Protein backbone atom coordinates (compact mmCIF):
# COMPACT_ATOMS: atom_id res chain seq x y z
CA MET A 1 -131.19 179.98 43.22
CA ASN A 2 -129.88 176.44 43.79
CA ILE A 3 -126.56 176.04 45.53
CA THR A 4 -124.80 174.64 42.45
CA THR A 5 -125.63 177.89 40.69
CA LEU A 6 -124.46 179.76 43.76
CA LYS A 7 -121.11 177.97 43.71
CA LYS A 8 -120.75 178.73 40.02
CA ALA A 9 -121.59 182.35 40.77
CA TYR A 10 -118.85 182.43 43.39
CA ILE A 11 -116.33 180.99 40.90
CA LEU A 12 -117.52 183.51 38.32
CA LEU A 13 -117.08 186.25 40.92
CA VAL A 14 -113.48 185.20 41.44
CA CYS A 15 -112.93 185.17 37.68
CA LEU A 16 -114.44 188.63 37.41
CA PHE A 17 -111.96 189.80 40.02
CA ALA A 18 -109.19 188.54 37.76
CA LEU A 19 -110.70 190.45 34.84
CA ASN A 20 -111.35 193.55 36.88
CA TYR A 21 -107.79 193.79 38.06
CA SER A 22 -106.36 193.37 34.56
CA CYS A 23 -104.83 195.85 32.10
CA LYS A 24 -103.79 198.27 34.83
CA ASN A 25 -100.03 197.78 34.82
CA ASP A 26 -99.00 201.42 34.49
CA LYS A 27 -99.40 202.26 38.17
CA ASP A 28 -96.40 203.06 40.32
CA TYR A 29 -95.78 200.16 42.73
CA THR A 30 -94.26 202.39 45.38
CA ALA A 31 -96.70 205.29 45.48
CA VAL A 32 -100.21 206.14 44.39
CA SER A 33 -100.36 208.56 41.48
CA GLN A 34 -100.71 212.25 42.44
CA ASN A 35 -103.78 212.50 40.24
CA GLU A 36 -105.45 209.58 41.94
CA LYS A 37 -107.26 209.83 45.22
CA ALA A 38 -105.56 207.60 47.76
CA THR A 39 -108.65 205.56 48.56
CA PRO A 40 -108.30 202.59 50.91
CA LEU A 41 -108.68 200.28 47.93
CA ALA A 42 -105.93 202.07 45.99
CA LEU A 43 -103.61 201.85 48.99
CA LEU A 44 -104.46 198.19 49.43
CA GLU A 45 -103.66 197.50 45.79
CA ASN A 46 -100.42 199.43 46.05
CA HIS A 47 -99.29 197.37 49.06
CA TYR A 48 -100.30 194.15 47.32
CA LYS A 49 -98.40 194.94 44.12
CA THR A 50 -95.31 196.06 46.00
CA LYS A 51 -95.08 192.79 47.94
CA LEU A 52 -95.85 190.83 44.78
CA SER A 53 -93.00 192.54 42.96
CA GLN A 54 -90.63 191.89 45.87
CA CYS A 55 -91.63 188.22 45.85
CA ILE A 56 -90.83 187.95 42.14
CA ASN A 57 -87.45 189.65 42.64
CA ALA A 58 -86.54 187.23 45.41
CA LEU A 59 -87.46 184.25 43.22
CA GLU A 60 -85.31 185.65 40.43
CA ALA A 61 -82.40 185.81 42.85
CA LEU A 62 -83.16 182.24 43.93
CA GLU A 63 -83.00 181.09 40.30
CA ASN A 64 -79.41 182.32 40.14
CA ALA A 65 -78.26 181.15 43.57
CA THR A 66 -74.98 179.21 43.66
CA SER A 67 -75.08 177.87 47.22
CA PHE A 68 -77.59 176.36 49.62
CA GLU A 69 -77.24 179.25 52.06
CA THR A 70 -77.95 181.89 49.41
CA ALA A 71 -80.77 179.87 47.89
CA LEU A 72 -82.43 179.33 51.28
CA SER A 73 -82.15 183.04 52.13
CA ASN A 74 -83.73 184.00 48.78
CA TYR A 75 -86.45 181.41 49.25
CA LYS A 76 -87.36 182.70 52.70
CA ASP A 77 -87.50 186.25 51.35
CA ALA A 78 -89.80 185.19 48.51
CA ARG A 79 -91.97 183.06 50.79
CA ASN A 80 -92.38 185.85 53.34
CA ASN A 81 -93.53 188.26 50.65
CA PHE A 82 -95.90 185.62 49.32
CA LYS A 83 -97.35 185.11 52.79
CA SER A 84 -97.76 188.87 53.16
CA ILE A 85 -100.05 188.97 50.11
CA GLU A 86 -101.77 185.67 50.93
CA PRO A 87 -104.99 187.15 52.37
CA ILE A 88 -105.64 189.09 49.14
CA LEU A 89 -104.26 186.66 46.56
CA ALA A 90 -106.08 183.66 48.06
CA PHE A 91 -109.37 185.52 47.82
CA VAL A 92 -109.17 187.27 44.45
CA ASP A 93 -107.28 184.52 42.59
CA LYS A 94 -107.98 181.30 44.45
CA ASN A 95 -106.88 178.89 41.73
CA ASN A 96 -103.48 180.51 41.22
CA TYR A 97 -103.00 180.78 44.97
CA MET A 98 -103.75 177.07 45.43
CA SER A 99 -101.32 176.13 42.64
CA LEU A 100 -98.55 178.29 44.08
CA ASN A 101 -99.10 176.90 47.58
CA ALA A 102 -99.83 173.27 46.63
CA PRO A 103 -98.13 170.27 48.27
CA ASN A 104 -95.38 168.42 46.42
CA ILE A 105 -97.64 165.73 44.95
CA LEU A 106 -99.25 165.26 41.54
CA LYS A 107 -102.42 167.27 41.03
CA VAL A 108 -105.12 165.17 39.36
CA GLU A 109 -108.25 166.94 38.11
CA GLU A 110 -111.10 164.67 36.99
CA GLU A 111 -114.12 166.59 35.73
CA ASP A 112 -115.38 163.51 33.89
CA ALA A 113 -113.99 160.56 31.94
CA THR A 114 -113.20 162.81 28.96
CA ASP A 115 -111.60 165.65 30.93
CA ILE A 116 -108.74 164.40 33.11
CA LYS A 117 -105.69 166.56 33.77
CA ILE A 118 -102.47 165.42 35.43
CA LYS A 119 -100.40 168.36 36.61
CA LYS A 120 -96.91 168.25 38.06
CA PRO A 121 -96.67 170.36 41.20
CA PHE A 122 -94.76 173.62 41.42
CA GLY A 123 -94.73 176.53 43.83
CA PHE A 124 -93.38 177.24 47.26
CA GLN A 125 -93.85 173.87 48.95
CA VAL A 126 -92.12 172.13 46.07
CA ILE A 127 -89.20 174.58 46.18
CA GLU A 128 -88.91 174.14 49.95
CA GLU A 129 -88.70 170.37 49.69
CA LYS A 130 -86.29 170.40 46.74
CA LEU A 131 -84.00 172.78 48.58
CA HIS A 132 -83.65 170.20 51.33
CA GLU A 133 -83.20 167.12 49.17
CA GLU A 134 -79.83 165.38 49.31
CA PRO A 135 -77.82 165.80 47.21
CA LEU A 136 -78.87 169.37 46.52
CA ASP A 137 -79.69 169.97 42.84
CA LEU A 138 -79.77 173.74 42.31
CA LYS A 139 -80.66 173.29 38.63
CA SER A 140 -83.81 171.42 39.61
CA VAL A 141 -84.60 174.10 42.20
CA ALA A 142 -84.07 176.81 39.56
CA LYS A 143 -86.46 175.07 37.14
CA ILE A 144 -89.33 174.94 39.65
CA THR A 145 -88.49 178.47 40.81
CA GLU A 146 -88.70 179.77 37.24
CA LYS A 147 -92.17 178.26 36.77
CA THR A 148 -93.29 179.72 40.09
CA LYS A 149 -91.86 183.14 39.17
CA ASN A 150 -93.52 183.04 35.75
CA ARG A 151 -96.92 182.38 37.30
CA LEU A 152 -96.47 185.30 39.70
CA GLN A 153 -95.38 187.54 36.81
CA LEU A 154 -98.56 186.59 34.96
CA ILE A 155 -100.55 187.58 38.03
CA GLU A 156 -98.56 190.83 38.27
CA GLN A 157 -99.28 191.69 34.64
CA ASN A 158 -103.01 191.26 35.20
CA THR A 159 -103.52 192.95 38.52
CA TYR A 160 -106.03 195.58 39.46
CA VAL A 161 -107.63 194.86 42.82
CA LYS A 162 -111.32 195.73 42.96
CA LEU A 163 -113.06 194.83 46.20
CA LYS A 164 -116.23 195.91 47.95
CA ASP A 165 -116.32 196.23 51.71
CA TYR A 166 -117.97 192.84 52.20
CA HIS A 167 -115.19 191.24 50.14
CA VAL A 168 -112.68 192.78 52.53
CA ILE A 169 -114.57 191.28 55.48
CA TRP A 170 -114.67 187.90 53.76
CA LEU A 171 -110.97 187.84 52.92
CA ILE A 172 -110.03 188.83 56.49
CA ARG A 173 -112.32 186.14 57.89
CA ASP A 174 -110.78 183.60 55.50
CA GLN A 175 -107.27 184.56 56.60
CA ILE A 176 -108.15 184.28 60.30
CA ALA A 177 -109.56 180.81 59.64
CA ARG A 178 -106.68 179.85 57.32
CA ILE A 179 -104.10 180.64 59.98
CA ALA A 180 -105.93 178.56 62.59
CA LEU A 181 -106.90 175.62 60.39
CA THR A 182 -103.95 175.18 58.03
CA GLY A 183 -101.36 177.87 58.80
CA ILE A 184 -100.28 176.80 62.28
CA THR A 185 -100.51 173.09 61.37
CA GLY A 186 -97.47 173.10 59.10
CA PHE A 187 -99.68 172.27 56.10
CA ASP A 188 -97.71 174.51 53.73
CA SER A 189 -94.30 174.60 55.42
CA PRO A 190 -93.40 170.90 55.31
CA VAL A 191 -89.66 171.14 56.03
CA LEU A 192 -88.88 174.50 57.62
CA GLU A 193 -92.00 174.42 59.81
CA ALA A 194 -92.03 178.21 59.60
CA SER A 195 -95.78 178.27 60.19
CA LEU A 196 -95.75 180.49 63.27
CA THR A 197 -93.61 183.17 61.63
CA GLU A 198 -95.76 183.03 58.50
CA ALA A 199 -98.91 183.36 60.61
CA GLN A 200 -97.44 186.56 62.07
CA LEU A 201 -97.05 187.91 58.54
CA GLY A 202 -100.69 187.09 57.83
CA TYR A 203 -101.78 189.03 60.88
CA SER A 204 -99.55 191.95 59.96
CA THR A 205 -101.35 192.13 56.62
CA ILE A 206 -104.74 192.04 58.34
CA GLU A 207 -103.61 194.88 60.59
CA SER A 208 -102.40 196.82 57.56
CA ILE A 209 -105.74 196.34 55.82
CA PHE A 210 -107.71 197.59 58.81
CA ASN A 211 -105.44 200.59 59.23
CA THR A 212 -105.82 201.32 55.51
CA TYR A 213 -109.60 201.27 55.97
CA THR A 214 -109.54 203.61 58.98
CA GLU A 215 -112.19 205.84 57.45
CA ASN A 216 -114.65 202.92 57.45
CA PHE A 217 -114.67 202.78 61.24
CA SER A 218 -117.32 204.91 62.90
CA ASP A 219 -116.04 203.64 66.25
CA PRO A 220 -112.29 204.37 66.63
CA ALA A 221 -112.23 202.18 69.74
CA LEU A 222 -113.05 199.15 67.57
CA LEU A 223 -110.00 199.73 65.37
CA LYS A 224 -107.92 200.10 68.53
CA LYS A 225 -109.26 196.76 69.76
CA TRP A 226 -108.21 195.18 66.47
CA ASN A 227 -104.68 196.56 66.70
CA THR A 228 -104.39 195.40 70.31
CA GLU A 229 -105.70 191.92 69.51
CA ILE A 230 -103.52 191.48 66.42
CA ASN A 231 -100.42 192.53 68.31
CA ALA A 232 -101.33 190.09 71.08
CA SER A 233 -101.76 187.33 68.49
CA ILE A 234 -98.41 188.09 66.88
CA LYS A 235 -96.79 187.97 70.31
CA ALA A 236 -98.49 184.66 71.04
CA LEU A 237 -97.17 183.18 67.79
CA GLN A 238 -93.69 182.83 69.21
CA GLY A 239 -91.59 179.84 70.12
CA ASP A 240 -91.20 176.29 68.91
CA PHE A 241 -93.52 174.78 66.29
CA ASN A 242 -93.96 171.47 68.11
CA SER A 243 -94.67 172.94 71.53
CA PHE A 244 -97.01 175.72 70.36
CA ASP A 245 -100.36 175.73 72.21
CA ARG A 246 -102.83 175.76 69.33
CA TYR A 247 -105.83 174.99 71.52
CA HIS A 248 -105.56 178.15 73.61
CA PHE A 249 -104.50 180.27 70.62
CA ILE A 250 -107.74 179.41 68.82
CA LYS A 251 -109.82 179.72 71.99
CA ASN A 252 -108.31 183.02 73.15
CA HIS A 253 -107.43 184.71 69.86
CA THR A 254 -109.10 183.21 66.76
CA HIS A 255 -112.57 183.20 68.30
CA LYS A 256 -112.09 186.66 69.75
CA GLN A 257 -111.16 187.91 66.27
CA LEU A 258 -114.27 186.36 64.72
CA ALA A 259 -116.39 188.17 67.30
CA LEU A 260 -114.57 191.43 66.53
CA LEU A 261 -115.21 190.84 62.84
CA ASN A 262 -118.95 190.63 63.51
CA ASN A 263 -118.70 193.93 65.35
CA THR A 264 -116.83 195.36 62.37
CA VAL A 265 -119.60 194.25 60.00
CA LYS A 266 -122.07 196.24 62.08
CA ASP A 267 -119.74 199.23 62.43
CA TRP A 268 -119.10 199.38 58.67
CA ASN A 269 -122.80 198.76 57.88
CA VAL A 270 -121.82 195.87 55.63
CA GLU A 271 -124.55 193.89 53.90
CA PHE A 272 -123.66 190.51 52.39
CA PRO A 273 -125.31 189.45 49.13
CA PHE A 274 -125.12 185.76 50.10
CA GLU A 275 -123.20 183.32 52.29
CA LEU A 276 -120.28 181.11 51.36
CA ALA A 277 -119.22 178.01 53.33
CA PHE A 278 -118.97 179.95 56.59
CA ASN A 279 -122.01 181.63 58.05
CA ASN A 280 -121.59 185.39 57.86
CA THR A 281 -122.30 185.61 61.61
CA MET A 282 -119.94 182.85 62.77
CA THR A 283 -117.96 183.55 65.96
CA SER A 284 -116.45 180.08 66.47
CA LEU A 285 -114.75 177.54 64.23
CA PHE A 286 -116.33 174.70 66.20
CA SER A 287 -120.06 175.31 66.55
CA ASN A 288 -123.34 174.48 64.84
CA ASN A 289 -123.40 178.09 63.62
CA THR A 290 -120.01 177.84 61.89
CA PHE A 291 -121.22 176.54 58.55
CA ASN A 292 -123.79 177.46 55.96
CA ILE A 293 -124.97 173.90 55.34
CA ASP A 294 -126.72 174.90 52.12
CA PHE A 295 -123.34 175.71 50.58
CA PHE A 296 -122.56 171.99 50.61
CA ALA A 297 -125.93 170.98 49.14
CA ASP A 298 -127.56 171.33 45.74
CA TYR A 299 -130.50 173.40 46.92
CA ILE A 300 -131.10 176.10 49.49
CA GLU A 301 -133.66 174.77 51.94
CA VAL A 302 -136.51 176.88 53.27
CA ASP A 303 -135.87 177.26 57.00
CA SER A 304 -139.53 176.95 57.96
CA LEU A 305 -139.72 173.53 56.30
CA LYS A 306 -136.35 172.16 57.31
CA GLN A 307 -137.28 170.60 60.65
CA ASN A 308 -140.31 168.79 59.20
CA LYS A 309 -138.20 167.56 56.28
CA GLN A 310 -135.66 166.23 58.77
CA GLN A 311 -138.37 164.30 60.61
CA LEU A 312 -139.70 162.90 57.34
CA GLY A 313 -136.20 162.00 56.25
CA LYS A 314 -135.54 160.21 59.53
CA ALA A 315 -138.67 158.10 59.07
CA LEU A 316 -137.58 157.18 55.55
CA PHE A 317 -134.03 156.50 56.77
CA ASN A 318 -135.36 153.88 59.17
CA ASP A 319 -138.01 152.37 56.85
CA LYS A 320 -137.23 148.90 55.50
CA LYS A 321 -140.00 149.19 52.89
CA LEU A 322 -137.58 151.18 50.75
CA SER A 323 -135.61 148.00 49.96
CA ALA A 324 -136.92 145.42 47.50
CA ASN A 325 -137.25 142.60 50.07
CA ASN A 326 -138.32 144.83 52.98
CA ALA A 327 -135.28 143.63 54.93
CA MET A 328 -132.97 146.64 54.88
CA SER A 329 -133.16 150.34 55.68
CA CYS A 330 -130.44 152.97 55.72
CA ALA A 331 -130.26 152.39 59.48
CA THR A 332 -129.37 148.73 58.96
CA CYS A 333 -125.81 149.75 58.11
CA HIS A 334 -125.83 153.19 59.73
CA LYS A 335 -126.77 152.65 63.37
CA GLN A 336 -127.29 155.82 65.39
CA GLU A 337 -125.72 154.37 68.54
CA LEU A 338 -122.50 153.74 66.57
CA ALA A 339 -122.39 157.24 65.09
CA PHE A 340 -124.22 155.84 62.06
CA THR A 341 -121.74 153.02 61.35
CA ASP A 342 -122.28 149.28 61.90
CA GLY A 343 -119.28 148.12 63.96
CA LEU A 344 -118.24 145.62 61.28
CA LYS A 345 -115.06 145.42 59.24
CA ILE A 346 -117.19 145.20 56.11
CA PHE A 347 -120.95 144.67 55.95
CA PRO A 348 -121.85 141.37 54.22
CA LYS A 349 -121.61 141.57 50.41
CA GLN A 350 -120.19 145.09 50.54
CA LYS A 351 -116.77 146.20 49.31
CA ARG A 352 -115.77 148.69 52.01
CA ASN A 353 -116.26 149.60 55.65
CA THR A 354 -119.42 151.54 56.48
CA PRO A 355 -118.48 155.21 57.11
CA THR A 356 -120.11 157.48 59.66
CA LEU A 357 -122.86 159.78 58.45
CA THR A 358 -122.18 162.35 61.16
CA TYR A 359 -120.73 165.47 59.53
CA ALA A 360 -120.97 163.68 56.15
CA ALA A 361 -122.75 166.70 54.69
CA LEU A 362 -119.68 168.91 55.18
CA GLN A 363 -117.70 167.61 52.22
CA GLN A 364 -117.75 167.84 48.44
CA SER A 365 -117.69 164.18 47.42
CA PHE A 366 -119.26 160.97 48.69
CA PHE A 367 -118.32 157.31 49.05
CA TYR A 368 -114.70 156.41 49.75
CA ASP A 369 -113.93 156.78 46.05
CA GLY A 370 -115.80 160.08 45.68
CA ARG A 371 -117.96 158.83 42.83
CA THR A 372 -120.90 161.07 43.65
CA GLY A 373 -120.98 164.80 44.34
CA ASN A 374 -123.96 165.09 46.68
CA LEU A 375 -125.99 163.14 49.22
CA GLU A 376 -128.96 162.76 46.89
CA GLY A 377 -126.67 161.09 44.35
CA GLN A 378 -125.25 158.79 47.01
CA ILE A 379 -128.76 157.63 47.85
CA VAL A 380 -129.30 156.66 44.20
CA ASP A 381 -126.35 154.26 44.43
CA VAL A 382 -127.73 152.68 47.59
CA VAL A 383 -131.19 152.21 46.05
CA ASN A 384 -129.78 150.63 42.88
CA ASN A 385 -127.11 148.46 44.56
CA VAL A 386 -128.12 144.79 44.27
CA ASN A 387 -126.51 144.09 47.65
CA GLU A 388 -128.33 146.94 49.37
CA PHE A 389 -131.85 148.11 48.48
CA HIS A 390 -131.78 146.24 45.12
CA SER A 391 -134.50 148.53 43.85
CA ASP A 392 -134.81 151.52 41.55
CA LEU A 393 -136.05 155.10 41.79
CA SER A 394 -139.38 154.32 40.16
CA ASN A 395 -140.13 151.54 42.64
CA LEU A 396 -139.04 153.79 45.51
CA GLN A 397 -141.66 156.30 44.46
CA THR A 398 -144.34 153.62 44.08
CA VAL A 399 -143.71 152.23 47.58
CA ILE A 400 -143.98 155.66 49.22
CA LYS A 401 -147.20 156.46 47.39
CA THR A 402 -148.88 153.42 48.97
CA ASP A 403 -148.43 154.98 52.42
CA SER A 404 -151.05 157.67 53.04
CA THR A 405 -149.10 159.20 55.92
CA TYR A 406 -146.06 159.67 53.75
CA VAL A 407 -148.17 161.09 50.91
CA LYS A 408 -149.70 163.62 53.29
CA PHE A 409 -146.29 164.80 54.50
CA PHE A 410 -144.83 165.02 51.01
CA ASN A 411 -147.79 167.02 49.74
CA LYS A 412 -147.37 169.41 52.65
CA LEU A 413 -143.62 169.86 52.24
CA TYR A 414 -143.10 169.64 48.47
CA PRO A 415 -145.15 171.39 45.75
CA ASN A 416 -145.05 168.29 43.53
CA GLY A 417 -145.56 165.76 46.34
CA VAL A 418 -144.01 162.32 46.14
CA THR A 419 -141.19 162.07 43.60
CA ASP A 420 -137.96 160.12 43.74
CA ALA A 421 -136.05 163.40 43.90
CA ASN A 422 -138.10 164.58 46.89
CA ILE A 423 -137.69 161.24 48.67
CA ARG A 424 -133.93 161.47 48.28
CA ASN A 425 -133.96 165.12 49.31
CA ALA A 426 -135.84 164.37 52.55
CA ILE A 427 -133.33 161.68 53.51
CA ALA A 428 -130.45 164.00 52.59
CA VAL A 429 -131.90 166.85 54.68
CA TYR A 430 -131.99 164.48 57.64
CA ILE A 431 -128.36 163.46 57.12
CA ARG A 432 -127.40 167.14 56.84
CA SER A 433 -128.76 167.60 60.37
CA LEU A 434 -126.22 165.19 61.88
CA ASN A 435 -123.66 167.88 62.67
CA THR A 436 -124.08 168.87 66.30
CA PHE A 437 -120.61 170.23 67.21
CA ASN A 438 -121.37 169.57 70.89
CA SER A 439 -118.58 167.20 71.88
CA LYS A 440 -116.48 167.73 74.99
CA PHE A 441 -113.85 169.34 72.77
CA ASP A 442 -116.31 171.70 71.06
CA ASN A 443 -118.02 172.73 74.27
CA SER A 444 -114.73 173.33 76.05
CA ILE A 445 -113.09 175.41 73.33
CA ASN A 446 -116.32 177.45 73.19
CA ASP A 447 -116.37 177.95 76.99
CA ILE A 448 -119.72 176.16 77.34
CA GLU A 449 -118.09 173.73 79.76
CA GLN A 450 -114.59 173.15 81.13
CA THR A 451 -114.29 169.38 81.06
CA ILE A 452 -111.42 168.87 78.64
CA SER A 453 -108.29 167.35 80.19
CA GLN A 454 -104.69 168.41 79.74
CA SER A 455 -104.04 165.14 77.93
CA GLU A 456 -106.82 165.93 75.43
CA ILE A 457 -105.48 169.47 74.93
CA ASN A 458 -102.00 168.05 74.38
CA GLY A 459 -103.49 165.62 71.88
CA PHE A 460 -105.17 168.41 69.92
CA ASN A 461 -101.92 170.36 69.82
CA LEU A 462 -100.07 167.28 68.56
CA PHE A 463 -102.80 166.45 66.05
CA MET A 464 -102.59 170.00 64.70
CA GLY A 465 -98.80 170.18 64.88
CA LYS A 466 -96.04 167.62 65.29
CA ALA A 467 -98.14 164.59 64.26
CA LYS A 468 -99.27 166.39 61.06
CA CYS A 469 -102.72 164.74 61.30
CA ALA A 470 -104.44 168.04 60.48
CA THR A 471 -102.58 168.40 57.19
CA CYS A 472 -105.05 165.79 55.85
CA HIS A 473 -107.83 165.79 58.46
CA PHE A 474 -108.56 169.49 58.43
CA ALA A 475 -110.25 171.09 61.42
CA PRO A 476 -112.99 171.92 62.28
CA VAL A 477 -114.65 168.85 60.70
CA PHE A 478 -111.37 166.91 60.77
CA ASN A 479 -112.01 165.49 57.31
CA GLY A 480 -110.40 166.07 53.91
CA THR A 481 -112.41 169.12 52.82
CA VAL A 482 -109.92 171.98 52.63
CA PRO A 483 -110.58 175.19 54.56
CA PRO A 484 -111.31 178.03 54.36
CA SER A 485 -113.14 177.81 51.00
CA PHE A 486 -114.30 174.18 51.45
CA THR A 487 -114.70 173.68 47.70
CA GLU A 488 -112.40 170.64 47.43
CA THR A 489 -112.31 167.32 49.25
CA GLU A 490 -108.90 165.65 49.14
CA PHE A 491 -107.99 162.04 48.40
CA GLU A 492 -104.93 160.32 49.83
CA LEU A 493 -102.85 157.20 49.25
CA LEU A 494 -101.76 155.90 52.65
CA GLY A 495 -100.62 152.40 51.71
CA VAL A 496 -103.21 150.57 53.82
CA PRO A 497 -102.49 146.81 54.06
CA LYS A 498 -105.04 144.00 53.80
CA SER A 499 -104.64 143.27 57.49
CA THR A 500 -102.27 143.80 60.39
CA ASN A 501 -100.58 140.46 59.75
CA LEU A 502 -96.87 140.59 58.90
CA PRO A 503 -95.30 140.62 56.42
CA ALA A 504 -97.74 143.22 55.16
CA ILE A 505 -99.70 142.61 51.97
CA ALA A 506 -101.08 145.57 50.02
CA ASP A 507 -104.85 145.88 49.83
CA THR A 508 -106.10 145.28 46.29
CA ASP A 509 -108.86 147.90 46.36
CA PHE A 510 -107.96 150.56 43.77
CA GLY A 511 -110.36 153.15 45.17
CA ARG A 512 -110.62 156.33 43.11
CA TYR A 513 -108.99 154.60 40.11
CA ASP A 514 -112.15 152.58 39.53
CA VAL A 515 -114.18 155.74 38.85
CA PHE A 516 -112.26 157.09 35.81
CA LYS A 517 -109.38 154.58 35.42
CA THR A 518 -106.78 157.28 36.05
CA GLU A 519 -103.54 155.37 36.68
CA GLU A 520 -102.22 158.02 39.07
CA ARG A 521 -105.31 157.53 41.28
CA LYS A 522 -104.79 153.87 42.15
CA HIS A 523 -105.34 153.22 45.88
CA PHE A 524 -106.51 156.80 46.52
CA PHE A 525 -109.41 157.27 48.93
CA LYS A 526 -111.29 160.21 50.35
CA THR A 527 -110.15 161.45 53.76
CA PRO A 528 -113.01 160.83 56.24
CA THR A 529 -113.79 162.68 59.44
CA VAL A 530 -112.31 161.56 62.75
CA ARG A 531 -115.25 163.03 64.66
CA ASN A 532 -117.02 160.31 66.67
CA ILE A 533 -114.05 158.02 66.01
CA SER A 534 -114.57 156.52 69.47
CA LYS A 535 -117.71 154.84 68.10
CA THR A 536 -116.66 153.93 64.57
CA ALA A 537 -114.17 151.05 64.94
CA PRO A 538 -112.81 149.15 63.09
CA TYR A 539 -110.86 151.67 61.04
CA MET A 540 -109.81 152.31 57.43
CA ARG A 541 -111.99 151.55 54.43
CA ASN A 542 -111.25 147.81 54.82
CA GLY A 543 -111.56 147.70 58.61
CA ALA A 544 -107.95 146.54 58.89
CA TYR A 545 -107.30 148.24 62.23
CA ALA A 546 -109.37 147.17 65.21
CA ASP A 547 -108.34 149.96 67.55
CA LEU A 548 -106.81 153.43 67.57
CA GLU A 549 -103.53 152.25 69.08
CA THR A 550 -102.65 150.03 66.11
CA LEU A 551 -103.94 152.66 63.71
CA MET A 552 -101.66 155.30 65.23
CA ASP A 553 -98.70 152.92 64.95
CA PHE A 554 -99.43 152.64 61.23
CA TYR A 555 -99.29 156.43 60.82
CA ASN A 556 -96.35 156.89 63.18
CA ASN A 557 -94.22 154.43 61.18
CA GLY A 558 -94.87 156.01 57.76
CA GLY A 559 -97.95 154.19 56.49
CA GLY A 560 -97.53 151.56 53.80
CA ALA A 561 -93.93 152.59 53.15
CA GLY A 562 -93.13 151.94 56.81
CA LEU A 563 -94.50 148.41 56.38
CA GLY A 564 -92.31 147.81 53.36
CA LEU A 565 -95.08 148.30 50.79
CA GLU A 566 -94.23 150.28 47.68
CA PHE A 567 -96.69 152.79 46.29
CA GLU A 568 -95.33 155.29 43.79
CA TYR A 569 -97.71 158.06 44.73
CA GLN A 570 -98.09 157.55 48.50
CA THR A 571 -99.11 160.92 49.90
CA LEU A 572 -98.41 160.07 53.54
CA PRO A 573 -94.77 160.97 54.26
CA PRO A 574 -92.83 157.70 54.61
CA ASP A 575 -90.66 158.91 57.49
CA SER A 576 -91.51 158.15 61.09
CA LEU A 577 -93.34 160.87 62.99
CA ASN A 578 -91.25 159.97 66.06
CA LEU A 579 -94.27 160.15 68.31
CA GLN A 580 -93.62 158.85 71.81
CA PRO A 581 -96.06 156.47 73.58
CA ASN A 582 -97.39 159.27 75.79
CA GLU A 583 -97.94 161.49 72.73
CA ILE A 584 -99.89 158.76 70.94
CA LYS A 585 -101.96 158.31 74.10
CA ASP A 586 -102.73 162.05 74.14
CA ILE A 587 -103.72 162.12 70.45
CA ILE A 588 -106.11 159.22 71.02
CA ALA A 589 -107.55 161.01 74.06
CA PHE A 590 -108.16 164.09 71.91
CA MET A 591 -109.84 162.11 69.14
CA ASN A 592 -112.09 160.44 71.71
CA SER A 593 -113.06 163.90 72.98
CA LEU A 594 -114.70 164.53 69.58
CA GLU A 595 -117.61 162.23 70.45
CA ASP A 596 -120.96 163.99 70.09
CA LYS A 597 -122.75 164.41 73.41
CA GLN A 598 -126.42 164.86 72.64
CA PRO A 599 -128.65 162.32 70.90
CA ILE A 600 -129.44 163.36 67.34
CA LEU A 601 -133.04 164.02 66.33
């Protein structure tokens, strides 16, 4: 089964959940029917529906609120109930969950040039921001609240939770990761910054699920360990949002929980039918065992062939014969010593800065404008580009067939030998190997070494908190692919200028707009990884910023808006982050700690 089919199967699975929990509205929300055995699943559904109903009631009260104080109180009540059902809702109805929890920016869906949807945002983040706009417009708040309530009522009317044990493990794992990677970053609490309190609610739900599934545990001590650990996590999630120590929370709690979850899989005798983005045996968010790399590819690779394919791909990557004039290889622009960049603002005759290929496989779209959906497709563009290989797929195949060594390897590794698809696959398999997760930061948070400094820890905490960097550059890859499902890579409009010269002039590159000519996508670009950023200067897609200090000033002052540039759909908040010089220094120290240690293949 290729991975595209697998992804479709996962989406179908989610849809089947929606169908399977439909047409069952006659159950009592407060108690399981006397004629029905109170199975763990029935109790779980009962809890879910009760909180869902309470959330709807609170939104209805918010609709009718006549003062800010009352409205805010109703909102918090609704939001807390929503967060209490988040682990279940996000798993069984991902699309509705994402809509209800989406940021207050236009949602643009571009399947192809004939299927483009522009959706105005609604949901909890939108309500939260509108509640704090000046002057307060309660009618506007009520309108968004009504749409949010109606969506939840639709979910309520079609709810019958049907989960197998491995689904329960998956949704708990997702929630543990969600709290660490987006929850405690302020991603979905943009004004109130209630992330720590909401994370506590998420853990309370996890605890409730485990206690509901008591009969699944053959080892009572394991359940006790869970209760102890969850209570410790809830206790740790106290205090001020900006000063919260995210580094040690993830190191001491998140990773411990992932290890406990593996023990639970064994204790429950759970067998998984397949893997999603996370490996089913992961115990760390920051290791080379965190991800199922095949989830991000089009085909599941045979493990016994993977290493040889990587070696073949590396040879092809460095071979100038693949270009028409024998003057350029992939490595010409992607130099290993520069984390597979070239150190230039823009390579001659190219339009944009050369991005790193490290961790490039862990995303869902490629090129700055996201015009291709996989690495093999990206390679096609490079081969055909008149300013790069200036060749075509047929010629690529012909060139490889003239090399007997290559032919021998291809015949050994691929049933149909040398084809353009196999050539591109070999190169892609090599690129998919460039994810080592062995930086100083990774090794320290995994207790492999203890070399990280307090400044670097402070920088991580700022990056994941006050500075809001991680609301676009999501850990653990620190790119725009959204955890924990990793099915969507985000695009942002930052307002990048042509250069650092003042007064600022807007860059004329329209980015994503050029793919489908969607007006609302002008100047939008994919969010790249900041891993190995110490080696990838200059920065931004036009190389406008020569160093991290000037780049951080750009972000700290509100992006393009802070420079006086007007972009209607800028996604970077225009207000200053109010980062102090020492805080900027710490964030840069953290980003530098993400440099890979070991040479790659």
